[in-house]
Amino acid sequence: MMSRSGYSWFWWLCFFIFFLAPHVSIAQNATTDPYEVKALNSIFKQWDTQAVENLWNISGEPCSGSAINETRWDDPANNPSIKCDCSFQNATICHITQLRVHALNKTGVIPEDITAFKYLTFLTLDINYFTGPLPAFIGDLSGLQELSISHNAFSGTIPKEIGNLKDLKFLSFGTNNFSGTFPPELGNLIKLEQLYLDSSGVGGEIPSTFANLRNMQIMWVSDNPFTGKIPDFIGNWTNLTSLKLQGNSFDGPIPSSFSQLISLNSLRISDINNVSSSLNFIKDMKKLTDLVLRNALINGGIPSDIGEYLSLQTLDLSFNNLTGQLPDALFNMASLKNL
């Protein structure tokens, strides 16, 4: 007669055979879309790169090892890296969803093979030596949520097709050799939360369509040939925590609508032309840790309530037209480190 513990093991064995084993088998049999395998091999050949040994396998089954386990795709030891989703067609097909080639001194261009990755959500190619224009076919990767190509040598204009990436939340083009202006189609990126374009080469006026980008949290667009007025509509981006507009050629004044940006932690504006501003717009920015308004045509006095900015660590108001006495509270701010 079978003991109670024997019955228990028997039922667990039956449960595994009939319920768990089929799923394990399916997961083990999932394979990468062959079209994507071919594209990945072609891209890596053109970029003279290969998978990290013992982490994942480009020559056999790419969606294996670190591409499907808990390894972080941005782990420094896992570079270049991919991540895959193997839940398609009853867990028999894997699609590449993330591709990262970071700081590997790679050269060349972005090949059209990359359009094979229809399920790509993250594309990071920053800190390399990639050249050529940013191709319009990047706009075909409609599922992208993050696109980072900063610190390369891309040139030409920003293609309007980037405006097709309507799920994009993170966009980084900084430190490149782009030219021309922002295409107004970028105003279609209504989910965008972070935009980094420092030293990108893009200039001209910020398009009025950017008024749609109300989910913006961080915008750094310093050291570019931007002109015209700083748009009033930026004051409606009330989720902003960091804004950098340094080293451009914007005309003043700084919009009074900026007084609505009470979530800001960091505000840096410099090199403003023609029309001056007072500091009235910062009156409710009590969360600031970093306030730099250098050579920004600021006039008037420093607010007497400056001592209420309890988190302020950096304050730079140099090269302006300030008048009046320095508030005593300025010298009693425990958090202030740089003045």
Protein backbone atom coordinates (compact mmCIF):
# COMPACT_ATOMS: atom_id res chain seq x y z
CA MET A 1 0.00 0.00 0.00
CA MET A 2 1.29 3.45 -0.94
CA SER A 3 1.99 5.75 2.02
CA ARG A 4 0.52 9.24 2.33
CA SER A 5 3.89 10.75 1.35
CA GLY A 6 3.99 8.40 -1.64
CA TYR A 7 0.58 9.62 -2.82
CA SER A 8 1.81 13.19 -2.43
CA TRP A 9 4.81 12.59 -4.66
CA PHE A 10 2.64 10.73 -7.16
CA TRP A 11 0.22 13.64 -7.55
CA TRP A 12 3.06 16.16 -7.86
CA LEU A 13 4.58 14.02 -10.60
CA CYS A 14 1.26 13.89 -12.44
CA PHE A 15 0.85 17.66 -12.10
CA PHE A 16 4.31 18.25 -13.55
CA ILE A 17 3.80 15.85 -16.46
CA PHE A 18 0.40 17.17 -17.51
CA PHE A 19 0.64 20.86 -16.65
CA LEU A 20 4.20 22.11 -16.19
CA ALA A 21 6.25 19.96 -18.55
CA PRO A 22 4.49 21.15 -21.74
CA HIS A 23 5.24 24.78 -20.83
CA VAL A 24 8.89 24.02 -20.06
CA SER A 25 9.17 22.23 -23.39
CA ILE A 26 7.60 25.15 -25.27
CA ALA A 27 9.94 27.65 -23.60
CA GLN A 28 12.95 25.52 -24.49
CA ASN A 29 11.78 25.21 -28.09
CA ALA A 30 11.19 28.94 -28.64
CA THR A 31 13.41 30.25 -31.42
CA THR A 32 14.32 33.69 -32.69
CA ASP A 33 12.50 34.94 -35.77
CA PRO A 34 14.89 33.86 -38.59
CA TYR A 35 14.45 37.21 -40.36
CA GLU A 36 15.73 38.94 -37.23
CA VAL A 37 18.60 36.46 -36.84
CA LYS A 38 19.76 37.24 -40.37
CA ALA A 39 19.47 40.99 -39.77
CA LEU A 40 21.35 40.85 -36.46
CA ASN A 41 24.21 38.88 -37.98
CA SER A 42 24.41 41.32 -40.88
CA ILE A 43 24.44 44.36 -38.58
CA PHE A 44 27.08 42.94 -36.26
CA LYS A 45 29.24 41.95 -39.22
CA GLN A 46 29.08 45.51 -40.57
CA TRP A 47 29.93 46.91 -37.15
CA ASP A 48 32.68 44.33 -36.57
CA THR A 49 31.21 43.20 -33.28
CA GLN A 50 29.98 39.98 -31.70
CA ALA A 51 28.10 38.71 -28.69
CA VAL A 52 29.81 38.47 -25.32
CA GLU A 53 31.12 34.92 -24.99
CA ASN A 54 29.14 32.70 -22.60
CA LEU A 55 26.38 35.31 -22.19
CA TRP A 56 24.43 34.97 -25.43
CA ASN A 57 24.94 33.43 -28.84
CA ILE A 58 24.74 35.32 -32.12
CA SER A 59 25.96 32.47 -34.33
CA GLY A 60 23.31 30.02 -33.18
CA GLU A 61 20.24 31.09 -31.20
CA PRO A 62 20.47 34.82 -30.31
CA CYS A 63 17.51 34.76 -27.92
CA SER A 64 19.31 32.66 -25.35
CA GLY A 65 21.30 33.16 -22.16
CA SER A 66 21.40 36.80 -21.04
CA ALA A 67 18.97 37.74 -23.83
CA ILE A 68 16.14 35.97 -22.01
CA ASN A 69 17.24 35.58 -18.39
CA GLU A 70 17.33 38.13 -15.57
CA THR A 71 20.64 39.70 -16.66
CA ARG A 72 20.22 43.45 -17.03
CA TRP A 73 20.62 44.58 -20.60
CA ASP A 74 22.68 47.57 -19.41
CA ASP A 75 25.05 45.42 -17.34
CA PRO A 76 28.57 46.67 -18.28
CA ALA A 77 29.70 43.06 -18.70
CA ASN A 78 26.86 42.41 -21.15
CA ASN A 79 27.80 44.71 -24.03
CA PRO A 80 26.77 44.53 -26.81
CA SER A 81 23.49 43.11 -25.67
CA ILE A 82 20.01 42.22 -26.78
CA LYS A 83 16.82 41.32 -24.96
CA CYS A 84 14.06 39.17 -26.37
CA ASP A 85 10.38 38.49 -25.81
CA CYS A 86 9.61 34.80 -26.39
CA SER A 87 5.87 34.91 -25.76
CA PHE A 88 4.79 35.03 -29.41
CA GLN A 89 2.85 32.25 -31.18
CA ASN A 90 2.22 30.22 -28.04
CA ALA A 91 5.75 30.86 -26.77
CA THR A 92 7.44 29.34 -29.81
CA ILE A 93 8.80 32.53 -31.40
CA CYS A 94 11.16 35.12 -29.89
CA HIS A 95 11.44 38.70 -31.12
CA ILE A 96 14.33 41.04 -30.32
CA THR A 97 13.02 43.95 -28.25
CA GLN A 98 16.20 45.69 -27.09
CA LEU A 99 19.57 46.34 -28.75
CA ARG A 100 22.51 48.02 -27.04
CA VAL A 101 25.97 48.80 -28.44
CA HIS A 102 27.46 51.20 -25.91
CA ALA A 103 30.92 52.81 -25.91
CA LEU A 104 32.60 50.12 -28.01
CA ASN A 105 34.40 52.45 -30.47
CA LYS A 106 32.27 51.15 -33.32
CA THR A 107 32.20 52.86 -36.71
CA GLY A 108 29.95 52.80 -39.75
CA VAL A 109 26.34 53.72 -40.35
CA ILE A 110 22.96 52.47 -39.16
CA PRO A 111 22.06 49.81 -41.77
CA GLU A 112 18.56 49.27 -43.08
CA ASP A 113 18.71 45.72 -41.68
CA ILE A 114 17.65 47.24 -38.37
CA THR A 115 14.10 47.64 -39.69
CA ALA A 116 13.76 43.85 -39.31
CA PHE A 117 13.35 44.42 -35.57
CA LYS A 118 9.66 45.31 -35.68
CA TYR A 119 9.28 44.69 -31.94
CA LEU A 120 12.23 46.84 -30.85
CA THR A 121 11.47 49.09 -27.87
CA PHE A 122 14.98 50.18 -26.85
CA LEU A 123 17.83 51.16 -29.18
CA THR A 124 21.05 52.46 -27.62
CA LEU A 125 24.09 53.19 -29.81
CA ASP A 126 25.69 55.97 -27.77
CA ILE A 127 29.40 56.80 -27.32
CA ASN A 128 30.74 55.31 -30.55
CA TYR A 129 31.96 56.70 -33.87
CA PHE A 130 28.91 56.10 -36.03
CA THR A 131 28.61 58.48 -38.99
CA GLY A 132 26.30 59.43 -41.82
CA PRO A 133 22.78 60.77 -41.54
CA LEU A 134 20.23 59.44 -39.11
CA PRO A 135 18.22 57.38 -41.61
CA ALA A 136 14.55 58.06 -42.17
CA PHE A 137 13.76 54.36 -41.83
CA ILE A 138 14.33 54.65 -38.07
CA GLY A 139 10.78 55.99 -38.14
CA ASP A 140 9.60 52.49 -39.12
CA LEU A 141 10.53 51.17 -35.65
CA SER A 142 7.16 52.30 -34.37
CA GLY A 143 7.41 50.50 -31.01
CA LEU A 144 10.52 52.36 -29.85
CA GLN A 145 10.27 53.82 -26.37
CA GLU A 146 13.94 54.78 -26.02
CA LEU A 147 16.34 55.99 -28.72
CA SER A 148 19.85 57.02 -27.68
CA ILE A 149 22.51 57.87 -30.28
CA SER A 150 24.42 60.55 -28.38
CA HIS A 151 28.21 61.00 -28.56
CA ASN A 152 28.70 59.89 -32.16
CA ALA A 153 29.43 61.72 -35.42
CA PHE A 154 26.03 61.63 -37.10
CA SER A 155 25.41 64.48 -39.53
CA GLY A 156 22.67 65.94 -41.70
CA THR A 157 19.22 66.93 -40.55
CA ILE A 158 16.92 65.17 -38.09
CA PRO A 159 14.47 63.19 -40.25
CA LYS A 160 10.82 64.12 -39.87
CA GLU A 161 10.04 60.38 -39.66
CA ILE A 162 11.21 60.42 -36.03
CA GLY A 163 7.78 61.92 -35.43
CA ASN A 164 6.30 58.49 -36.22
CA LEU A 165 7.76 57.06 -33.00
CA LYS A 166 4.70 57.92 -30.95
CA ASP A 167 5.57 55.60 -28.04
CA LEU A 168 8.94 57.31 -27.53
CA LYS A 169 9.62 58.40 -23.95
CA PHE A 170 13.39 58.94 -24.09
CA LEU A 171 15.29 60.63 -26.93
CA SER A 172 19.01 61.46 -26.86
CA PHE A 173 20.81 63.05 -29.85
CA GLY A 174 23.46 65.06 -27.99
CA THR A 175 27.09 65.54 -29.06
CA ASN A 176 26.76 64.91 -32.79
CA ASN A 177 27.23 66.92 -35.98
CA PHE A 178 23.61 67.45 -37.00
CA SER A 179 22.47 70.57 -38.82
CA GLY A 180 19.20 72.26 -39.67
CA THR A 181 16.22 72.68 -37.38
CA PHE A 182 13.83 70.55 -35.38
CA PRO A 183 11.24 69.02 -37.71
CA PRO A 184 7.80 70.10 -36.48
CA GLU A 185 6.74 66.43 -36.63
CA LEU A 186 8.60 65.86 -33.35
CA GLY A 187 5.59 67.51 -31.76
CA ASN A 188 3.81 64.19 -32.37
CA LEU A 189 5.87 62.56 -29.61
CA ILE A 190 3.30 63.28 -26.93
CA LYS A 191 4.61 60.54 -24.60
CA LEU A 192 8.13 62.01 -24.57
CA GLU A 193 9.49 62.51 -21.06
CA GLN A 194 13.22 63.07 -21.57
CA LEU A 195 14.96 64.96 -24.39
CA TYR A 196 18.75 65.36 -24.52
CA LEU A 197 20.21 67.43 -27.37
CA ASP A 198 23.23 69.19 -25.87
CA SER A 199 25.84 70.01 -28.54
CA SER A 200 23.84 68.26 -31.24
CA GLY A 201 24.21 70.95 -33.93
CA VAL A 202 20.46 71.42 -34.31
CA GLY A 203 19.42 75.09 -34.32
CA GLY A 204 16.79 77.59 -35.35
CA GLU A 205 13.58 78.16 -33.43
CA ILE A 206 11.84 75.55 -31.29
CA PRO A 207 8.71 74.57 -33.27
CA SER A 208 5.30 75.58 -31.97
CA THR A 209 4.25 71.91 -32.23
CA PHE A 210 6.41 71.21 -29.17
CA ALA A 211 3.54 72.66 -27.15
CA ASN A 212 2.10 69.14 -27.34
CA LEU A 213 4.95 67.65 -25.30
CA ARG A 214 3.26 68.15 -21.95
CA ASN A 215 4.70 64.97 -20.41
CA MET A 216 8.24 66.33 -20.61
CA GLN A 217 10.23 65.89 -17.40
CA ILE A 218 13.80 66.59 -18.52
CA MET A 219 14.95 68.76 -21.43
CA TRP A 220 18.62 69.54 -22.03
CA VAL A 221 19.26 71.49 -25.24
CA SER A 222 22.35 73.52 -24.32
CA ASP A 223 25.20 74.58 -26.62
CA ASN A 224 23.28 74.66 -29.88
CA PRO A 225 22.56 77.47 -32.38
CA PHE A 226 18.96 77.92 -31.23
CA THR A 227 17.45 81.33 -31.92
CA GLY A 228 14.20 83.20 -31.36
CA LYS A 229 12.33 83.46 -28.10
CA ILE A 230 12.16 80.79 -25.45
CA PRO A 231 8.63 79.49 -26.03
CA ASP A 232 5.97 80.44 -23.50
CA PHE A 233 4.44 76.97 -23.78
CA ILE A 234 7.36 75.42 -21.89
CA GLY A 235 5.69 76.92 -18.83
CA ASN A 236 2.85 74.45 -19.38
CA TRP A 237 5.20 71.48 -19.00
CA THR A 238 4.44 71.26 -15.31
CA ASN A 239 6.08 67.84 -14.95
CA LEU A 240 9.51 69.34 -15.69
CA THR A 241 12.18 68.58 -13.10
CA SER A 242 15.26 69.63 -15.09
CA LEU A 243 15.61 72.27 -17.83
CA LYS A 244 18.89 73.35 -19.43
CA LEU A 245 18.94 76.13 -22.03
CA GLN A 246 22.56 77.27 -21.84
CA GLY A 247 24.91 78.44 -24.55
CA ASN A 248 22.29 79.12 -27.21
CA SER A 249 21.22 82.40 -28.83
CA PHE A 250 17.72 82.80 -27.43
CA ASP A 251 16.13 86.22 -27.11
CA GLY A 252 14.66 87.31 -23.81
CA PRO A 253 12.74 87.68 -21.77
CA ILE A 254 12.54 84.42 -19.88
CA PRO A 255 8.80 83.65 -20.10
CA SER A 256 6.73 84.60 -17.07
CA SER A 257 4.88 81.30 -17.62
CA PHE A 258 7.94 79.58 -16.12
CA SER A 259 6.47 80.49 -12.73
CA GLN A 260 4.26 77.40 -13.17
CA LEU A 261 7.27 75.05 -13.19
CA ILE A 262 7.17 74.42 -9.47
CA SER A 263 8.46 70.84 -9.76
CA LEU A 264 11.84 71.97 -11.11
CA ASN A 265 14.93 70.70 -9.30
CA SER A 266 17.41 72.10 -11.81
CA LEU A 267 17.11 75.23 -13.96
CA ARG A 268 20.01 76.44 -16.11
CA ILE A 269 19.56 79.29 -18.59
CA SER A 270 22.37 81.43 -19.98
CA ASP A 271 23.42 83.71 -22.82
CA ILE A 272 20.10 85.48 -23.37
CA ASN A 273 19.94 88.35 -25.86
CA ASN A 274 18.10 91.68 -26.13
CA VAL A 275 15.32 91.69 -23.50
CA SER A 276 15.87 91.44 -19.74
CA SER A 277 13.93 89.56 -17.06
CA SER A 278 13.45 89.81 -13.31
CA LEU A 279 13.60 86.87 -10.93
CA ASN A 280 9.86 86.96 -10.24
CA PHE A 281 9.33 83.75 -12.19
CA ILE A 282 11.28 81.65 -9.63
CA LYS A 283 9.15 82.69 -6.65
CA ASP A 284 7.42 79.29 -6.27
CA MET A 285 10.32 77.06 -7.38
CA LYS A 286 11.11 76.03 -3.82
CA LYS A 287 12.29 72.54 -4.85
CA LEU A 288 15.31 73.89 -6.72
CA THR A 289 18.68 72.35 -5.94
CA ASP A 290 20.43 73.96 -8.90
CA LEU A 291 19.74 77.49 -10.22
CA VAL A 292 22.08 78.88 -12.88
CA LEU A 293 21.01 82.06 -14.69
CA ARG A 294 24.40 83.20 -15.98
CA ASN A 295 24.60 86.06 -18.50
CA ALA A 296 20.82 85.88 -18.82
CA LEU A 297 19.99 89.63 -18.71
CA ILE A 298 18.53 89.33 -15.20
CA ASN A 299 17.75 92.66 -13.55
CA GLY A 300 16.34 93.77 -10.21
CA GLY A 301 17.22 92.19 -6.89
CA ILE A 302 17.63 88.74 -5.41
CA PRO A 303 14.34 87.75 -3.71
CA SER A 304 14.31 88.43 0.01
CA ASP A 305 12.81 84.98 0.61
CA ILE A 306 15.81 83.19 -0.93
CA GLY A 307 16.31 81.51 2.45
CA GLU A 308 13.14 79.50 1.83
CA TYR A 309 14.86 77.57 -0.97
CA LEU A 310 15.91 74.92 1.52
CA SER A 311 17.30 72.45 -1.03
CA LEU A 312 19.35 74.94 -3.06
CA GLN A 313 22.94 73.76 -3.48
CA THR A 314 24.15 75.74 -6.51
CA LEU A 315 23.32 79.38 -7.25
CA ASP A 316 24.97 81.26 -10.13
CA LEU A 317 23.58 84.67 -11.08
CA SER A 318 26.82 86.07 -12.48
CA PHE A 319 27.13 88.47 -15.42
CA ASN A 320 23.70 90.03 -15.00
CA ASN A 321 22.33 93.46 -14.03
CA LEU A 322 21.33 92.75 -10.44
CA THR A 323 20.82 95.66 -8.07
CA GLY A 324 20.15 96.19 -4.39
CA GLN A 325 21.48 94.47 -1.28
CA LEU A 326 22.26 90.79 -0.96
CA PRO A 327 19.68 89.26 1.41
CA ASP A 328 21.14 88.18 4.76
CA ALA A 329 19.39 84.84 4.36
CA LEU A 330 21.67 84.07 1.43
CA PHE A 331 24.58 83.60 3.83
CA ASN A 332 22.67 81.34 6.20
CA MET A 333 21.56 78.67 3.75
CA ALA A 334 22.85 75.37 5.10
CA SER A 335 22.34 73.52 1.82
CA LEU A 336 24.17 76.05 -0.39
CA LYS A 337 27.54 74.73 -1.58
CA ASN A 338 28.30 76.75 -4.71
CA LEU A 339 27.67 80.49 -4.96
